[in-house]
Amino acid sequence: MLIHLMKHCWPRIDEHKHILLRGVCLCWLRIAQDEKESSRSKEGELERVKEGLREVVMVFQAIVEHIGKTVEEDTNKKESFNVLVEMLIEKNQGLSTLFMIH
């Protein structure tokens, strides 16, 4: 559902990218916590959610990079996806697996 929303509302994502990314990251970290605490019976469910979050990140990355190419040379709007990811991983290494950076 989120991917569908992002694909249709992509022109406005730049204004809300930090909030959207925060939600995805918090969800990822919560899953990591649940994996440590839960039984094996939940592993399949959690893995499906993780794959869904990775898909969201891929779509999000494509949108942010596209917006970066189409907006004017406004430095606030040209914050690249890689810069956002580096800042997040610097704060919490557990996010590296969300962004497929090892």
PDB file of N, CA and C in Angstrom:
ATOM      1  N   MET A   1       0.820  -1.187   0.000  1.00  0.00           N
ATOM      2  CA  MET A   1       0.000   0.000   0.000  1.00  0.00           C
ATOM      3  C   MET A   1       0.872   1.262   0.000  1.00  0.00           C
ATOM      4  N   LEU A   2       1.928   1.258   0.798  1.00  0.00           N
ATOM      5  CA  LEU A   2       2.801   2.426   0.855  1.00  0.00           C
ATOM      6  C   LEU A   2       3.488   2.666  -0.487  1.00  0.00           C
ATOM      7  N   ILE A   3       3.915   1.610  -1.127  1.00  0.00           N
ATOM      8  CA  ILE A   3       4.561   1.756  -2.430  1.00  0.00           C
ATOM      9  C   ILE A   3       3.587   2.363  -3.437  1.00  0.00           C
ATOM     10  N   HIS A   4       2.362   1.922  -3.435  1.00  0.00           N
ATOM     11  CA  HIS A   4       1.339   2.463  -4.327  1.00  0.00           C
ATOM     12  C   HIS A   4       1.159   3.966  -4.068  1.00  0.00           C
ATOM     13  N   LEU A   5       1.076   4.335  -2.808  1.00  0.00           N
ATOM     14  CA  LEU A   5       0.932   5.742  -2.435  1.00  0.00           C
ATOM     15  C   LEU A   5       2.138   6.565  -2.897  1.00  0.00           C
ATOM     16  N   MET A   6       3.334   6.030  -2.685  1.00  0.00           N
ATOM     17  CA  MET A   6       4.553   6.739  -3.085  1.00  0.00           C
ATOM     18  C   MET A   6       4.608   6.946  -4.596  1.00  0.00           C
ATOM     19  N   LYS A   7       4.213   5.936  -5.354  1.00  0.00           N
ATOM     20  CA  LYS A   7       4.263   6.039  -6.815  1.00  0.00           C
ATOM     21  C   LYS A   7       3.301   7.091  -7.348  1.00  0.00           C
ATOM     22  N   HIS A   8       2.193   7.280  -6.669  1.00  0.00           N
ATOM     23  CA  HIS A   8       1.202   8.238  -7.143  1.00  0.00           C
ATOM     24  C   HIS A   8       1.392   9.636  -6.569  1.00  0.00           C
ATOM     25  N   CYS A   9       2.066   9.731  -5.448  1.00  0.00           N
ATOM     26  CA  CYS A   9       2.256  11.034  -4.799  1.00  0.00           C
ATOM     27  C   CYS A   9       3.714  11.476  -4.816  1.00  0.00           C
ATOM     28  N   TRP A  10       4.500  10.913  -5.716  1.00  0.00           N
ATOM     29  CA  TRP A  10       5.939  11.169  -5.708  1.00  0.00           C
ATOM     30  C   TRP A  10       6.319  12.648  -5.775  1.00  0.00           C
ATOM     31  N   PRO A  11       5.553  13.526  -6.459  1.00  0.00           N
ATOM     32  CA  PRO A  11       5.994  14.926  -6.492  1.00  0.00           C
ATOM     33  C   PRO A  11       6.032  15.586  -5.114  1.00  0.00           C
ATOM     34  N   ARG A  12       5.289  15.059  -4.174  1.00  0.00           N
ATOM     35  CA  ARG A  12       5.245  15.649  -2.831  1.00  0.00           C
ATOM     36  C   ARG A  12       6.157  14.942  -1.831  1.00  0.00           C
ATOM     37  N   ILE A  13       6.767  13.874  -2.227  1.00  0.00           N
ATOM     38  CA  ILE A  13       7.593  13.100  -1.299  1.00  0.00           C
ATOM     39  C   ILE A  13       8.784  13.893  -0.798  1.00  0.00           C
ATOM     40  N   ASP A  14       9.329  14.755  -1.628  1.00  0.00           N
ATOM     41  CA  ASP A  14      10.500  15.529  -1.213  1.00  0.00           C
ATOM     42  C   ASP A  14      10.220  16.308   0.072  1.00  0.00           C
ATOM     43  N   GLU A  15       9.026  16.829   0.198  1.00  0.00           N
ATOM     44  CA  GLU A  15       8.650  17.599   1.383  1.00  0.00           C
ATOM     45  C   GLU A  15       8.519  16.715   2.619  1.00  0.00           C
ATOM     46  N   HIS A  16       8.271  15.443   2.427  1.00  0.00           N
ATOM     47  CA  HIS A  16       7.982  14.538   3.539  1.00  0.00           C
ATOM     48  C   HIS A  16       8.958  13.370   3.634  1.00  0.00           C
ATOM     49  N   LYS A  17      10.058  13.436   2.896  1.00  0.00           N
ATOM     50  CA  LYS A  17      10.954  12.279   2.816  1.00  0.00           C
ATOM     51  C   LYS A  17      11.544  11.881   4.165  1.00  0.00           C
ATOM     52  N   HIS A  18      11.820  12.857   5.010  1.00  0.00           N
ATOM     53  CA  HIS A  18      12.411  12.521   6.307  1.00  0.00           C
ATOM     54  C   HIS A  18      11.411  11.784   7.195  1.00  0.00           C
ATOM     55  N   ILE A  19      10.167  12.204   7.155  1.00  0.00           N
ATOM     56  CA  ILE A  19       9.130  11.546   7.955  1.00  0.00           C
ATOM     57  C   ILE A  19       8.899  10.126   7.449  1.00  0.00           C
ATOM     58  N   LEU A  20       8.817   9.973   6.151  1.00  0.00           N
ATOM     59  CA  LEU A  20       8.595   8.663   5.552  1.00  0.00           C
ATOM     60  C   LEU A  20       9.747   7.718   5.892  1.00  0.00           C
ATOM     61  N   LEU A  21      10.957   8.205   5.734  1.00  0.00           N
ATOM     62  CA  LEU A  21      12.129   7.379   6.009  1.00  0.00           C
ATOM     63  C   LEU A  21      12.233   7.049   7.492  1.00  0.00           C
ATOM     64  N   ARG A  22      11.845   7.981   8.331  1.00  0.00           N
ATOM     65  CA  ARG A  22      11.860   7.730   9.780  1.00  0.00           C
ATOM     66  C   ARG A  22      10.926   6.568  10.124  1.00  0.00           C
ATOM     67  N   GLY A  23       9.729   6.575   9.541  1.00  0.00           N
ATOM     68  CA  GLY A  23       8.781   5.498   9.802  1.00  0.00           C
ATOM     69  C   GLY A  23       9.299   4.142   9.359  1.00  0.00           C
ATOM     70  N   VAL A  24       9.907   4.089   8.192  1.00  0.00           N
ATOM     71  CA  VAL A  24      10.457   2.834   7.678  1.00  0.00           C
ATOM     72  C   VAL A  24      11.593   2.351   8.592  1.00  0.00           C
ATOM     73  N   CYS A  25      12.448   3.269   9.003  1.00  0.00           N
ATOM     74  CA  CYS A  25      13.580   2.895   9.861  1.00  0.00           C
ATOM     75  C   CYS A  25      13.113   2.423  11.234  1.00  0.00           C
ATOM     76  N   LEU A  26      12.138   3.112  11.808  1.00  0.00           N
ATOM     77  CA  LEU A  26      11.626   2.687  13.111  1.00  0.00           C
ATOM     78  C   LEU A  26      10.993   1.304  13.031  1.00  0.00           C
ATOM     79  N   CYS A  27      10.286   1.054  11.964  1.00  0.00           N
ATOM     80  CA  CYS A  27       9.690  -0.264  11.756  1.00  0.00           C
ATOM     81  C   CYS A  27      10.782  -1.329  11.655  1.00  0.00           C
ATOM     82  N   TRP A  28      11.839  -1.038  10.903  1.00  0.00           N
ATOM     83  CA  TRP A  28      12.960  -1.970  10.727  1.00  0.00           C
ATOM     84  C   TRP A  28      13.622  -2.282  12.068  1.00  0.00           C
ATOM     85  N   LEU A  29      13.860  -1.257  12.856  1.00  0.00           N
ATOM     86  CA  LEU A  29      14.516  -1.458  14.150  1.00  0.00           C
ATOM     87  C   LEU A  29      13.620  -2.238  15.109  1.00  0.00           C
ATOM     88  N   ARG A  30      12.329  -2.003  15.031  1.00  0.00           N
ATOM     89  CA  ARG A  30      11.381  -2.751  15.870  1.00  0.00           C
ATOM     90  C   ARG A  30      11.391  -4.235  15.482  1.00  0.00           C
ATOM     91  N   ILE A  31      11.441  -4.502  14.204  1.00  0.00           N
ATOM     92  CA  ILE A  31      11.507  -5.892  13.742  1.00  0.00           C
ATOM     93  C   ILE A  31      12.783  -6.558  14.250  1.00  0.00           C
ATOM     94  N   ALA A  32      13.894  -5.835  14.184  1.00  0.00           N
ATOM     95  CA  ALA A  32      15.165  -6.385  14.673  1.00  0.00           C
ATOM     96  C   ALA A  32      15.052  -6.732  16.159  1.00  0.00           C
ATOM     97  N   GLN A  33      14.385  -5.876  16.896  1.00  0.00           N
ATOM     98  CA  GLN A  33      14.178  -6.135  18.318  1.00  0.00           C
ATOM     99  C   GLN A  33      13.268  -7.351  18.515  1.00  0.00           C
ATOM    100  N   ASP A  34      12.198  -7.424  17.734  1.00  0.00           N
ATOM    101  CA  ASP A  34      11.280  -8.561  17.828  1.00  0.00           C
ATOM    102  C   ASP A  34      11.963  -9.870  17.464  1.00  0.00           C
ATOM    103  N   GLU A  35      12.867  -9.831  16.491  1.00  0.00           N
ATOM    104  CA  GLU A  35      13.576 -11.053  16.084  1.00  0.00           C
ATOM    105  C   GLU A  35      14.410 -11.607  17.238  1.00  0.00           C
ATOM    106  N   LYS A  36      14.982 -10.730  18.023  1.00  0.00           N
ATOM    107  CA  LYS A  36      15.786 -11.174  19.155  1.00  0.00           C
ATOM    108  C   LYS A  36      14.926 -11.787  20.250  1.00  0.00           C
ATOM    109  N   GLU A  37      13.700 -11.265  20.377  1.00  0.00           N
ATOM    110  CA  GLU A  37      12.840 -11.672  21.483  1.00  0.00           C
ATOM    111  C   GLU A  37      11.831 -12.761  21.126  1.00  0.00           C
ATOM    112  N   SER A  38      11.564 -12.967  19.845  1.00  0.00           N
ATOM    113  CA  SER A  38      10.459 -13.837  19.456  1.00  0.00           C
ATOM    114  C   SER A  38      10.899 -15.277  19.211  1.00  0.00           C
ATOM    115  N   SER A  39       9.887 -16.113  19.094  1.00  0.00           N
ATOM    116  CA  SER A  39      10.128 -17.519  18.791  1.00  0.00           C
ATOM    117  C   SER A  39      10.313 -17.691  17.282  1.00  0.00           C
ATOM    118  N   ARG A  40      10.697 -18.869  16.883  1.00  0.00           N
ATOM    119  CA  ARG A  40      10.909 -19.161  15.465  1.00  0.00           C
ATOM    120  C   ARG A  40       9.614 -19.104  14.659  1.00  0.00           C
ATOM    121  N   SER A  41       8.491 -19.225  15.304  1.00  0.00           N
ATOM    122  CA  SER A  41       7.216 -19.237  14.587  1.00  0.00           C
ATOM    123  C   SER A  41       6.931 -17.896  13.905  1.00  0.00           C
ATOM    124  N   LYS A  42       7.526 -16.826  14.392  1.00  0.00           N
ATOM    125  CA  LYS A  42       7.312 -15.499  13.805  1.00  0.00           C
ATOM    126  C   LYS A  42       8.335 -15.152  12.729  1.00  0.00           C
ATOM    127  N   GLU A  43       9.363 -15.955  12.578  1.00  0.00           N
ATOM    128  CA  GLU A  43      10.450 -15.620  11.656  1.00  0.00           C
ATOM    129  C   GLU A  43       9.966 -15.365  10.237  1.00  0.00           C
ATOM    130  N   GLY A  44       9.084 -16.202   9.728  1.00  0.00           N
ATOM    131  CA  GLY A  44       8.574 -16.044   8.364  1.00  0.00           C
ATOM    132  C   GLY A  44       7.824 -14.741   8.190  1.00  0.00           C
ATOM    133  N   GLU A  45       6.985 -14.416   9.165  1.00  0.00           N
ATOM    134  CA  GLU A  45       6.227 -13.165   9.108  1.00  0.00           C
ATOM    135  C   GLU A  45       7.160 -11.962   9.109  1.00  0.00           C
ATOM    136  N   LEU A  46       8.117 -11.982  10.016  1.00  0.00           N
ATOM    137  CA  LEU A  46       9.044 -10.852  10.127  1.00  0.00           C
ATOM    138  C   LEU A  46       9.880 -10.699   8.864  1.00  0.00           C
ATOM    139  N   GLU A  47      10.275 -11.819   8.287  1.00  0.00           N
ATOM    140  CA  GLU A  47      11.078 -11.764   7.058  1.00  0.00           C
ATOM    141  C   GLU A  47      10.285 -11.156   5.911  1.00  0.00           C
ATOM    142  N   ARG A  48       8.993 -11.474   5.823  1.00  0.00           N
ATOM    143  CA  ARG A  48       8.138 -10.883   4.776  1.00  0.00           C
ATOM    144  C   ARG A  48       8.013  -9.372   4.960  1.00  0.00           C
ATOM    145  N   VAL A  49       7.881  -8.936   6.190  1.00  0.00           N
ATOM    146  CA  VAL A  49       7.790  -7.497   6.454  1.00  0.00           C
ATOM    147  C   VAL A  49       9.116  -6.817   6.096  1.00  0.00           C
ATOM    148  N   LYS A  50      10.222  -7.461   6.436  1.00  0.00           N
ATOM    149  CA  LYS A  50      11.535  -6.897   6.097  1.00  0.00           C
ATOM    150  C   LYS A  50      11.705  -6.754   4.587  1.00  0.00           C
ATOM    151  N   GLU A  51      11.287  -7.768   3.842  1.00  0.00           N
ATOM    152  CA  GLU A  51      11.377  -7.684   2.378  1.00  0.00           C
ATOM    153  C   GLU A  51      10.510  -6.551   1.844  1.00  0.00           C
ATOM    154  N   GLY A  52       9.332  -6.376   2.429  1.00  0.00           N
ATOM    155  CA  GLY A  52       8.463  -5.275   2.033  1.00  0.00           C
ATOM    156  C   GLY A  52       9.096  -3.922   2.311  1.00  0.00           C
ATOM    157  N   LEU A  53       9.769  -3.804   3.445  1.00  0.00           N
ATOM    158  CA  LEU A  53      10.445  -2.550   3.777  1.00  0.00           C
ATOM    159  C   LEU A  53      11.611  -2.283   2.819  1.00  0.00           C
ATOM    160  N   ARG A  54      12.317  -3.319   2.431  1.00  0.00           N
ATOM    161  CA  ARG A  54      13.400  -3.135   1.453  1.00  0.00           C
ATOM    162  C   ARG A  54      12.844  -2.664   0.111  1.00  0.00           C
ATOM    163  N   GLU A  55      11.682  -3.187  -0.280  1.00  0.00           N
ATOM    164  CA  GLU A  55      11.043  -2.724  -1.517  1.00  0.00           C
ATOM    165  C   GLU A  55      10.667  -1.253  -1.405  1.00  0.00           C
ATOM    166  N   VAL A  56      10.128  -0.869  -0.258  1.00  0.00           N
ATOM    167  CA  VAL A  56       9.780   0.534  -0.030  1.00  0.00           C
ATOM    168  C   VAL A  56      11.020   1.406  -0.179  1.00  0.00           C
ATOM    169  N   VAL A  57      12.131   0.965   0.385  1.00  0.00           N
ATOM    170  CA  VAL A  57      13.379   1.734   0.302  1.00  0.00           C
ATOM    171  C   VAL A  57      13.841   1.859  -1.152  1.00  0.00           C
ATOM    172  N   MET A  58      13.719   0.796  -1.933  1.00  0.00           N
ATOM    173  CA  MET A  58      14.142   0.868  -3.340  1.00  0.00           C
ATOM    174  C   MET A  58      13.294   1.869  -4.120  1.00  0.00           C
ATOM    175  N   VAL A  59      11.986   1.847  -3.907  1.00  0.00           N
ATOM    176  CA  VAL A  59      11.099   2.794  -4.586  1.00  0.00           C
ATOM    177  C   VAL A  59      11.390   4.206  -4.097  1.00  0.00           C
ATOM    178  N   PHE A  60      11.570   4.357  -2.789  1.00  0.00           N
ATOM    179  CA  PHE A  60      11.879   5.644  -2.199  1.00  0.00           C
ATOM    180  C   PHE A  60      13.169   6.214  -2.796  1.00  0.00           C
ATOM    181  N   GLN A  61      14.187   5.376  -2.917  1.00  0.00           N
ATOM    182  CA  GLN A  61      15.459   5.805  -3.490  1.00  0.00           C
ATOM    183  C   GLN A  61      15.266   6.294  -4.925  1.00  0.00           C
ATOM    184  N   ALA A  62      14.545   5.539  -5.719  1.00  0.00           N
ATOM    185  CA  ALA A  62      14.313   5.932  -7.118  1.00  0.00           C
ATOM    186  C   ALA A  62      13.591   7.275  -7.192  1.00  0.00           C
ATOM    187  N   ILE A  63      12.620   7.478  -6.327  1.00  0.00           N
ATOM    188  CA  ILE A  63      11.867   8.733  -6.334  1.00  0.00           C
ATOM    189  C   ILE A  63      12.753   9.894  -5.909  1.00  0.00           C
ATOM    190  N   VAL A  64      13.494   9.730  -4.830  1.00  0.00           N
ATOM    191  CA  VAL A  64      14.360  10.807  -4.336  1.00  0.00           C
ATOM    192  C   VAL A  64      15.418  11.164  -5.371  1.00  0.00           C
ATOM    193  N   GLU A  65      15.990  10.162  -6.015  1.00  0.00           N
ATOM    194  CA  GLU A  65      16.996  10.440  -7.045  1.00  0.00           C
ATOM    195  C   GLU A  65      16.373  11.125  -8.255  1.00  0.00           C
ATOM    196  N   HIS A  66      15.160  10.734  -8.626  1.00  0.00           N
ATOM    197  CA  HIS A  66      14.469  11.385  -9.746  1.00  0.00           C
ATOM    198  C   HIS A  66      14.160  12.847  -9.399  1.00  0.00           C
ATOM    199  N   ILE A  67      13.676  13.077  -8.204  1.00  0.00           N
ATOM    200  CA  ILE A  67      13.374  14.447  -7.783  1.00  0.00           C
ATOM    201  C   ILE A  67      14.653  15.273  -7.787  1.00  0.00           C
ATOM    202  N   GLY A  68      15.751  14.693  -7.333  1.00  0.00           N
ATOM    203  CA  GLY A  68      17.027  15.402  -7.311  1.00  0.00           C
ATOM    204  C   GLY A  68      17.474  15.830  -8.695  1.00  0.00           C
ATOM    205  N   LYS A  69      17.110  15.073  -9.713  1.00  0.00           N
ATOM    206  CA  LYS A  69      17.486  15.405 -11.083  1.00  0.00           C
ATOM    207  C   LYS A  69      16.561  16.446 -11.692  1.00  0.00           C
ATOM    208  N   THR A  70      15.328  16.546 -11.186  1.00  0.00           N
ATOM    209  CA  THR A  70      14.358  17.419 -11.829  1.00  0.00           C
ATOM    210  C   THR A  70      14.185  18.776 -11.155  1.00  0.00           C
ATOM    211  N   VAL A  71      14.583  18.903  -9.893  1.00  0.00           N
ATOM    212  CA  VAL A  71      14.422  20.200  -9.230  1.00  0.00           C
ATOM    213  C   VAL A  71      15.557  21.131  -9.602  1.00  0.00           C
ATOM    214  N   GLU A  72      15.333  22.403  -9.354  1.00  0.00           N
ATOM    215  CA  GLU A  72      16.377  23.386  -9.637  1.00  0.00           C
ATOM    216  C   GLU A  72      17.531  23.191  -8.667  1.00  0.00           C
ATOM    217  N   GLU A  73      18.554  23.968  -8.797  1.00  0.00           N
ATOM    218  CA  GLU A  73      19.764  23.824  -7.990  1.00  0.00           C
ATOM    219  C   GLU A  73      19.577  24.323  -6.557  1.00  0.00           C
ATOM    220  N   ASP A  74      18.472  24.039  -5.961  1.00  0.00           N
ATOM    221  CA  ASP A  74      18.189  24.394  -4.574  1.00  0.00           C
ATOM    222  C   ASP A  74      18.846  23.337  -3.690  1.00  0.00           C
ATOM    223  N   THR A  75      19.845  23.710  -2.905  1.00  0.00           N
ATOM    224  CA  THR A  75      20.606  22.725  -2.132  1.00  0.00           C
ATOM    225  C   THR A  75      19.750  22.020  -1.098  1.00  0.00           C
ATOM    226  N   ASN A  76      18.732  22.664  -0.569  1.00  0.00           N
ATOM    227  CA  ASN A  76      17.862  21.994   0.394  1.00  0.00           C
ATOM    228  C   ASN A  76      17.094  20.857  -0.264  1.00  0.00           C
ATOM    229  N   LYS A  77      16.712  21.026  -1.491  1.00  0.00           N
ATOM    230  CA  LYS A  77      15.923  20.011  -2.187  1.00  0.00           C
ATOM    231  C   LYS A  77      16.798  18.936  -2.818  1.00  0.00           C
ATOM    232  N   LYS A  78      18.088  19.185  -2.938  1.00  0.00           N
ATOM    233  CA  LYS A  78      18.961  18.236  -3.625  1.00  0.00           C
ATOM    234  C   LYS A  78      19.682  17.300  -2.653  1.00  0.00           C
ATOM    235  N   GLU A  79      19.182  17.195  -1.435  1.00  0.00           N
ATOM    236  CA  GLU A  79      19.786  16.272  -0.487  1.00  0.00           C
ATOM    237  C   GLU A  79      19.643  14.859  -1.054  1.00  0.00           C
ATOM    238  N   SER A  80      20.748  14.237  -1.320  1.00  0.00           N
ATOM    239  CA  SER A  80      20.708  12.951  -2.012  1.00  0.00           C
ATOM    240  C   SER A  80      20.301  11.817  -1.074  1.00  0.00           C
ATOM    241  N   PHE A  81      19.844  10.756  -1.677  1.00  0.00           N
ATOM    242  CA  PHE A  81      19.464   9.560  -0.940  1.00  0.00           C
ATOM    243  C   PHE A  81      20.667   9.022  -0.174  1.00  0.00           C
ATOM    244  N   ASN A  82      21.832   9.004  -0.802  1.00  0.00           N
ATOM    245  CA  ASN A  82      23.031   8.468  -0.146  1.00  0.00           C
ATOM    246  C   ASN A  82      23.404   9.257   1.099  1.00  0.00           C
ATOM    247  N   VAL A  83      23.216  10.564   1.060  1.00  0.00           N
ATOM    248  CA  VAL A  83      23.508  11.393   2.236  1.00  0.00           C
ATOM    249  C   VAL A  83      22.550  11.032   3.369  1.00  0.00           C
ATOM    250  N   LEU A  84      21.285  10.882   3.044  1.00  0.00           N
ATOM    251  CA  LEU A  84      20.306  10.494   4.059  1.00  0.00           C
ATOM    252  C   LEU A  84      20.669   9.151   4.680  1.00  0.00           C
ATOM    253  N   VAL A  85      21.010   8.187   3.850  1.00  0.00           N
ATOM    254  CA  VAL A  85      21.337   6.843   4.326  1.00  0.00           C
ATOM    255  C   VAL A  85      22.588   6.875   5.201  1.00  0.00           C
ATOM    256  N   GLU A  86      23.604   7.588   4.783  1.00  0.00           N
ATOM    257  CA  GLU A  86      24.837   7.669   5.571  1.00  0.00           C
ATOM    258  C   GLU A  86      24.573   8.246   6.952  1.00  0.00           C
ATOM    259  N   MET A  87      23.740   9.287   7.020  1.00  0.00           N
ATOM    260  CA  MET A  87      23.414   9.892   8.313  1.00  0.00           C
ATOM    261  C   MET A  87      22.678   8.899   9.206  1.00  0.00           C
ATOM    262  N   LEU A  88      21.760   8.155   8.629  1.00  0.00           N
ATOM    263  CA  LEU A  88      20.983   7.193   9.417  1.00  0.00           C
ATOM    264  C   LEU A  88      21.851   6.049   9.923  1.00  0.00           C
ATOM    265  N   ILE A  89      22.686   5.521   9.066  1.00  0.00           N
ATOM    266  CA  ILE A  89      23.542   4.395   9.465  1.00  0.00           C
ATOM    267  C   ILE A  89      24.576   4.843  10.484  1.00  0.00           C
ATOM    268  N   GLU A  90      25.024   6.067  10.369  1.00  0.00           N
ATOM    269  CA  GLU A  90      25.963   6.605  11.351  1.00  0.00           C
ATOM    270  C   GLU A  90      25.330   6.608  12.747  1.00  0.00           C
ATOM    271  N   LYS A  91      24.040   6.885  12.800  1.00  0.00           N
ATOM    272  CA  LYS A  91      23.334   6.919  14.082  1.00  0.00           C
ATOM    273  C   LYS A  91      22.984   5.522  14.589  1.00  0.00           C
ATOM    274  N   ASN A  92      22.714   4.584  13.656  1.00  0.00           N
ATOM    275  CA  ASN A  92      22.354   3.226  14.077  1.00  0.00           C
ATOM    276  C   ASN A  92      22.816   2.224  13.017  1.00  0.00           C
ATOM    277  N   GLN A  93      23.830   1.453  13.347  1.00  0.00           N
ATOM    278  CA  GLN A  93      24.392   0.474  12.417  1.00  0.00           C
ATOM    279  C   GLN A  93      23.393  -0.603  12.013  1.00  0.00           C
ATOM    280  N   GLY A  94      22.372  -0.833  12.822  1.00  0.00           N
ATOM    281  CA  GLY A  94      21.377  -1.838  12.518  1.00  0.00           C
ATOM    282  C   GLY A  94      20.594  -1.537  11.232  1.00  0.00           C
ATOM    283  N   LEU A  95      20.658  -0.303  10.786  1.00  0.00           N
ATOM    284  CA  LEU A  95      19.951   0.075   9.551  1.00  0.00           C
ATOM    285  C   LEU A  95      20.709  -0.299   8.299  1.00  0.00           C
ATOM    286  N   SER A  96      21.964  -0.693   8.429  1.00  0.00           N
ATOM    287  CA  SER A  96      22.754  -1.031   7.229  1.00  0.00           C
ATOM    288  C   SER A  96      22.132  -2.184   6.457  1.00  0.00           C
ATOM    289  N   THR A  97      21.499  -3.124   7.154  1.00  0.00           N
ATOM    290  CA  THR A  97      20.887  -4.249   6.451  1.00  0.00           C
ATOM    291  C   THR A  97      19.602  -3.841   5.731  1.00  0.00           C
ATOM    292  N   LEU A  98      18.948  -2.792   6.201  1.00  0.00           N
ATOM    293  CA  LEU A  98      17.778  -2.276   5.498  1.00  0.00           C
ATOM    294  C   LEU A  98      18.185  -1.697   4.154  1.00  0.00           C
ATOM    295  N   PHE A  99      19.295  -0.981   4.146  1.00  0.00           N
ATOM    296  CA  PHE A  99      19.766  -0.326   2.945  1.00  0.00           C
ATOM    297  C   PHE A  99      20.761  -1.174   2.167  1.00  0.00           C
ATOM    298  N   MET A 100      20.911  -2.446   2.586  1.00  0.00           N
ATOM    299  CA  MET A 100      21.784  -3.414   1.906  1.00  0.00           C
ATOM    300  C   MET A 100      23.238  -2.936   1.868  1.00  0.00           C
ATOM    301  N   ILE A 101      23.666  -2.291   2.927  1.00  0.00           N
ATOM    302  CA  ILE A 101      25.056  -1.836   3.031  1.00  0.00           C
ATOM    303  C   ILE A 101      25.698  -2.620   4.160  1.00  0.00           C
ATOM    304  N   HIS A 102      26.760  -3.319   3.828  1.00  0.00           N
ATOM    305  CA  HIS A 102      27.416  -4.151   4.855  1.00  0.00           C
ATOM    306  C   HIS A 102      28.824  -3.717   5.081  1.00  0.00           C
TER     307      HIS A 102
END
